N, C-alpha and C. Protein backbone atom coordinates (compact mmCIF):
# COMPACT_ATOMS: atom_id res chain seq x y z
N MET A 1 82.60 56.92 63.69
CA MET A 1 82.53 58.29 63.22
C MET A 1 82.74 59.27 64.37
N GLU A 2 82.13 59.01 65.52
CA GLU A 2 82.28 59.92 66.64
C GLU A 2 83.72 59.99 67.15
N LEU A 3 84.41 58.86 67.08
CA LEU A 3 85.81 58.84 67.53
C LEU A 3 86.66 59.77 66.67
N ALA A 4 86.45 59.73 65.37
CA ALA A 4 87.22 60.59 64.47
C ALA A 4 86.91 62.06 64.72
N VAL A 5 85.66 62.37 64.97
CA VAL A 5 85.28 63.76 65.25
C VAL A 5 85.91 64.22 66.57
N ASN A 6 85.89 63.35 67.57
CA ASN A 6 86.50 63.70 68.86
C ASN A 6 87.99 63.96 68.72
N VAL A 7 88.66 63.14 67.94
CA VAL A 7 90.10 63.30 67.75
C VAL A 7 90.40 64.62 67.04
N ILE A 8 89.62 64.94 66.02
CA ILE A 8 89.82 66.19 65.29
C ILE A 8 89.58 67.39 66.21
N ILE A 9 88.55 67.32 67.03
CA ILE A 9 88.25 68.41 67.96
C ILE A 9 89.38 68.58 68.96
N ILE A 10 89.87 67.49 69.51
CA ILE A 10 90.96 67.57 70.48
C ILE A 10 92.23 68.13 69.85
N ILE A 11 92.52 67.73 68.63
CA ILE A 11 93.71 68.24 67.95
C ILE A 11 93.58 69.74 67.68
N LEU A 12 92.42 70.17 67.21
CA LEU A 12 92.24 71.60 66.91
C LEU A 12 92.30 72.45 68.17
N ILE A 13 91.69 71.98 69.25
CA ILE A 13 91.77 72.74 70.50
C ILE A 13 93.20 72.75 71.03
N GLY A 14 93.91 71.65 70.88
CA GLY A 14 95.31 71.61 71.32
C GLY A 14 96.19 72.55 70.53
N VAL A 15 95.98 72.60 69.22
CA VAL A 15 96.77 73.52 68.39
C VAL A 15 96.45 74.97 68.75
N GLY A 16 95.18 75.27 68.96
CA GLY A 16 94.79 76.62 69.36
C GLY A 16 95.37 77.03 70.71
N ALA A 17 95.34 76.10 71.65
CA ALA A 17 95.91 76.39 72.97
C ALA A 17 97.42 76.56 72.88
N ALA A 18 98.08 75.78 72.04
CA ALA A 18 99.53 75.92 71.87
C ALA A 18 99.88 77.26 71.24
N LEU A 19 99.10 77.69 70.25
CA LEU A 19 99.33 79.00 69.65
C LEU A 19 99.16 80.12 70.68
N PHE A 20 98.13 80.01 71.49
CA PHE A 20 97.90 81.02 72.52
C PHE A 20 99.03 81.04 73.54
N TYR A 21 99.51 79.87 73.91
CA TYR A 21 100.60 79.77 74.88
C TYR A 21 101.90 80.37 74.32
N VAL A 22 102.21 80.05 73.08
CA VAL A 22 103.42 80.60 72.45
C VAL A 22 103.31 82.12 72.32
N GLY A 23 102.13 82.60 71.95
CA GLY A 23 101.92 84.04 71.87
C GLY A 23 102.09 84.71 73.22
N SER A 24 101.63 84.05 74.28
CA SER A 24 101.80 84.60 75.62
C SER A 24 103.26 84.66 76.02
N LEU A 25 104.02 83.64 75.66
CA LEU A 25 105.45 83.67 75.97
C LEU A 25 106.17 84.75 75.18
N ILE A 26 105.75 84.98 73.95
CA ILE A 26 106.35 86.06 73.16
C ILE A 26 106.02 87.41 73.79
N VAL A 27 104.81 87.54 74.31
CA VAL A 27 104.43 88.79 74.99
C VAL A 27 105.30 89.00 76.23
N VAL A 28 105.57 87.94 76.97
CA VAL A 28 106.41 88.06 78.17
C VAL A 28 107.80 88.58 77.77
N VAL A 29 108.38 87.99 76.76
CA VAL A 29 109.71 88.41 76.33
C VAL A 29 109.68 89.85 75.79
N THR A 30 108.65 90.17 75.02
CA THR A 30 108.53 91.52 74.47
C THR A 30 108.33 92.55 75.57
N ALA A 31 107.49 92.23 76.55
CA ALA A 31 107.22 93.17 77.64
C ALA A 31 108.48 93.43 78.46
N PHE A 32 109.22 92.38 78.77
CA PHE A 32 110.47 92.58 79.50
C PHE A 32 111.48 93.35 78.66
N GLY A 33 111.49 93.11 77.36
CA GLY A 33 112.41 93.82 76.47
C GLY A 33 112.12 95.31 76.38
N HIS A 34 110.85 95.68 76.50
CA HIS A 34 110.48 97.10 76.45
C HIS A 34 110.31 97.70 77.84
N LYS A 35 110.84 97.00 78.84
CA LYS A 35 110.84 97.46 80.23
C LYS A 35 109.44 97.68 80.79
N LYS A 36 108.51 96.86 80.39
CA LYS A 36 107.16 96.85 80.95
C LYS A 36 107.08 95.62 81.87
N TYR A 37 107.74 95.74 83.02
CA TYR A 37 107.92 94.59 83.90
C TYR A 37 106.60 94.09 84.49
N ALA A 38 105.68 94.98 84.77
CA ALA A 38 104.40 94.56 85.34
C ALA A 38 103.65 93.68 84.35
N TYR A 39 103.62 94.09 83.09
CA TYR A 39 102.96 93.27 82.08
C TYR A 39 103.70 91.95 81.87
N GLY A 40 104.99 91.98 81.95
CA GLY A 40 105.76 90.74 81.78
C GLY A 40 105.45 89.72 82.86
N VAL A 41 105.42 90.16 84.10
CA VAL A 41 105.14 89.25 85.21
C VAL A 41 103.69 88.79 85.18
N LEU A 42 102.77 89.74 84.95
CA LEU A 42 101.35 89.37 84.91
C LEU A 42 101.03 88.45 83.74
N SER A 43 101.68 88.66 82.60
CA SER A 43 101.45 87.78 81.46
C SER A 43 102.01 86.39 81.70
N LEU A 44 103.05 86.33 82.49
CA LEU A 44 103.61 85.02 82.84
C LEU A 44 102.71 84.26 83.79
N LEU A 45 102.07 84.98 84.71
CA LEU A 45 101.21 84.34 85.70
C LEU A 45 99.77 84.14 85.20
N LEU A 46 99.24 85.13 84.50
CA LEU A 46 97.86 85.10 84.00
C LEU A 46 97.90 85.32 82.48
N PHE A 47 97.71 84.27 81.73
CA PHE A 47 97.88 84.36 80.28
C PHE A 47 96.93 85.34 79.58
N PRO A 48 95.69 85.50 80.02
CA PRO A 48 94.82 86.46 79.33
C PRO A 48 95.28 87.92 79.42
N VAL A 49 96.16 88.23 80.34
CA VAL A 49 96.70 89.59 80.44
C VAL A 49 97.52 89.93 79.19
N SER A 50 98.05 88.92 78.55
CA SER A 50 98.85 89.16 77.34
C SER A 50 98.00 89.75 76.22
N ILE A 51 96.71 89.44 76.20
CA ILE A 51 95.83 90.06 75.20
C ILE A 51 95.71 91.55 75.47
N ALA A 52 95.60 91.92 76.74
CA ALA A 52 95.53 93.34 77.10
C ALA A 52 96.80 94.07 76.69
N TYR A 53 97.96 93.42 76.86
CA TYR A 53 99.22 94.04 76.45
C TYR A 53 99.23 94.27 74.93
N CYS A 54 98.78 93.28 74.18
CA CYS A 54 98.78 93.43 72.72
C CYS A 54 97.80 94.50 72.25
N LEU A 55 96.70 94.65 72.98
CA LEU A 55 95.75 95.70 72.60
C LEU A 55 96.25 97.09 73.00
N GLN A 56 96.92 97.18 74.12
CA GLN A 56 97.40 98.49 74.58
C GLN A 56 98.64 98.94 73.82
N TYR A 57 99.55 98.03 73.55
CA TYR A 57 100.79 98.33 72.82
C TYR A 57 100.77 97.58 71.49
N ARG A 58 100.00 98.09 70.56
CA ARG A 58 99.80 97.38 69.29
C ARG A 58 101.09 97.24 68.48
N LYS A 59 101.92 98.25 68.51
CA LYS A 59 103.14 98.21 67.70
C LYS A 59 104.13 97.18 68.25
N GLU A 60 104.33 97.17 69.57
CA GLU A 60 105.28 96.23 70.16
C GLU A 60 104.72 94.80 70.16
N GLY A 61 103.42 94.67 70.32
CA GLY A 61 102.82 93.34 70.43
C GLY A 61 102.22 92.81 69.15
N ALA A 62 102.60 93.37 68.01
CA ALA A 62 101.99 92.96 66.74
C ALA A 62 102.31 91.51 66.40
N TYR A 63 103.55 91.10 66.61
CA TYR A 63 103.93 89.73 66.26
C TYR A 63 103.26 88.72 67.19
N ALA A 64 103.22 89.03 68.47
CA ALA A 64 102.61 88.12 69.44
C ALA A 64 101.11 88.04 69.26
N SER A 65 100.49 89.14 68.85
CA SER A 65 99.04 89.14 68.71
C SER A 65 98.58 88.22 67.59
N LYS A 66 99.43 87.98 66.61
CA LYS A 66 99.07 87.02 65.56
C LYS A 66 98.88 85.63 66.15
N PHE A 67 99.73 85.25 67.06
CA PHE A 67 99.61 83.95 67.71
C PHE A 67 98.43 83.93 68.69
N LEU A 68 98.31 84.98 69.48
CA LEU A 68 97.27 85.03 70.50
C LEU A 68 95.87 85.00 69.88
N ILE A 69 95.66 85.86 68.92
CA ILE A 69 94.32 85.97 68.34
C ILE A 69 93.97 84.71 67.55
N SER A 70 94.91 84.20 66.77
CA SER A 70 94.61 82.99 66.00
C SER A 70 94.37 81.79 66.92
N GLY A 71 95.12 81.69 68.00
CA GLY A 71 94.92 80.60 68.94
C GLY A 71 93.59 80.69 69.66
N ALA A 72 93.25 81.89 70.12
CA ALA A 72 91.98 82.08 70.83
C ALA A 72 90.79 81.85 69.89
N LEU A 73 90.89 82.34 68.66
CA LEU A 73 89.81 82.11 67.71
C LEU A 73 89.66 80.64 67.34
N LEU A 74 90.79 79.96 67.18
CA LEU A 74 90.72 78.53 66.84
C LEU A 74 90.05 77.73 67.95
N VAL A 75 90.40 78.03 69.19
CA VAL A 75 89.78 77.33 70.32
C VAL A 75 88.28 77.68 70.39
N ALA A 76 87.94 78.95 70.25
CA ALA A 76 86.54 79.36 70.36
C ALA A 76 85.67 78.78 69.25
N VAL A 77 86.18 78.83 68.01
CA VAL A 77 85.40 78.31 66.88
C VAL A 77 85.25 76.80 66.99
N THR A 78 86.33 76.12 67.36
CA THR A 78 86.25 74.66 67.51
C THR A 78 85.29 74.27 68.62
N PHE A 79 85.34 74.99 69.73
CA PHE A 79 84.44 74.71 70.84
C PHE A 79 82.99 74.96 70.43
N GLY A 80 82.74 76.05 69.71
CA GLY A 80 81.39 76.35 69.24
C GLY A 80 80.87 75.30 68.27
N LEU A 81 81.71 74.90 67.32
CA LEU A 81 81.30 73.88 66.36
C LEU A 81 81.08 72.52 67.03
N ALA A 82 81.89 72.22 68.03
CA ALA A 82 81.71 70.95 68.75
C ALA A 82 80.39 70.95 69.51
N ASN A 83 80.06 72.08 70.11
CA ASN A 83 78.77 72.16 70.80
C ASN A 83 77.60 72.02 69.83
N LEU A 84 77.71 72.64 68.66
CA LEU A 84 76.65 72.48 67.66
C LEU A 84 76.56 71.05 67.16
N ALA A 85 77.70 70.42 66.97
CA ALA A 85 77.70 69.05 66.44
C ALA A 85 77.10 68.06 67.42
N TYR A 86 77.32 68.28 68.70
CA TYR A 86 76.84 67.31 69.68
C TYR A 86 75.43 67.61 70.18
N GLN A 87 74.83 68.70 69.74
CA GLN A 87 73.44 68.96 70.08
C GLN A 87 72.48 68.09 69.27
N PHE A 88 72.91 67.71 68.09
CA PHE A 88 72.03 66.94 67.20
C PHE A 88 72.35 65.49 67.23
């Protein structure tokens, strides 16, 4: 039973991380397209900066924020549930 739970947790965290990564790459392309070069470079080097770009430029970053927010929430919720599951 624990093996199945571990596999499910790893898959969910992997999917969440992949969504966040794809969203970050979309932010990089969007930032360079709108001539926000500093955000483009920083988002490429430091992925959490892409969340700041999506919050500051909501209209331009609307598509990328769907990936970023869903990925971050999936990782956070899965991590929280895994911690609760392994406490008992």
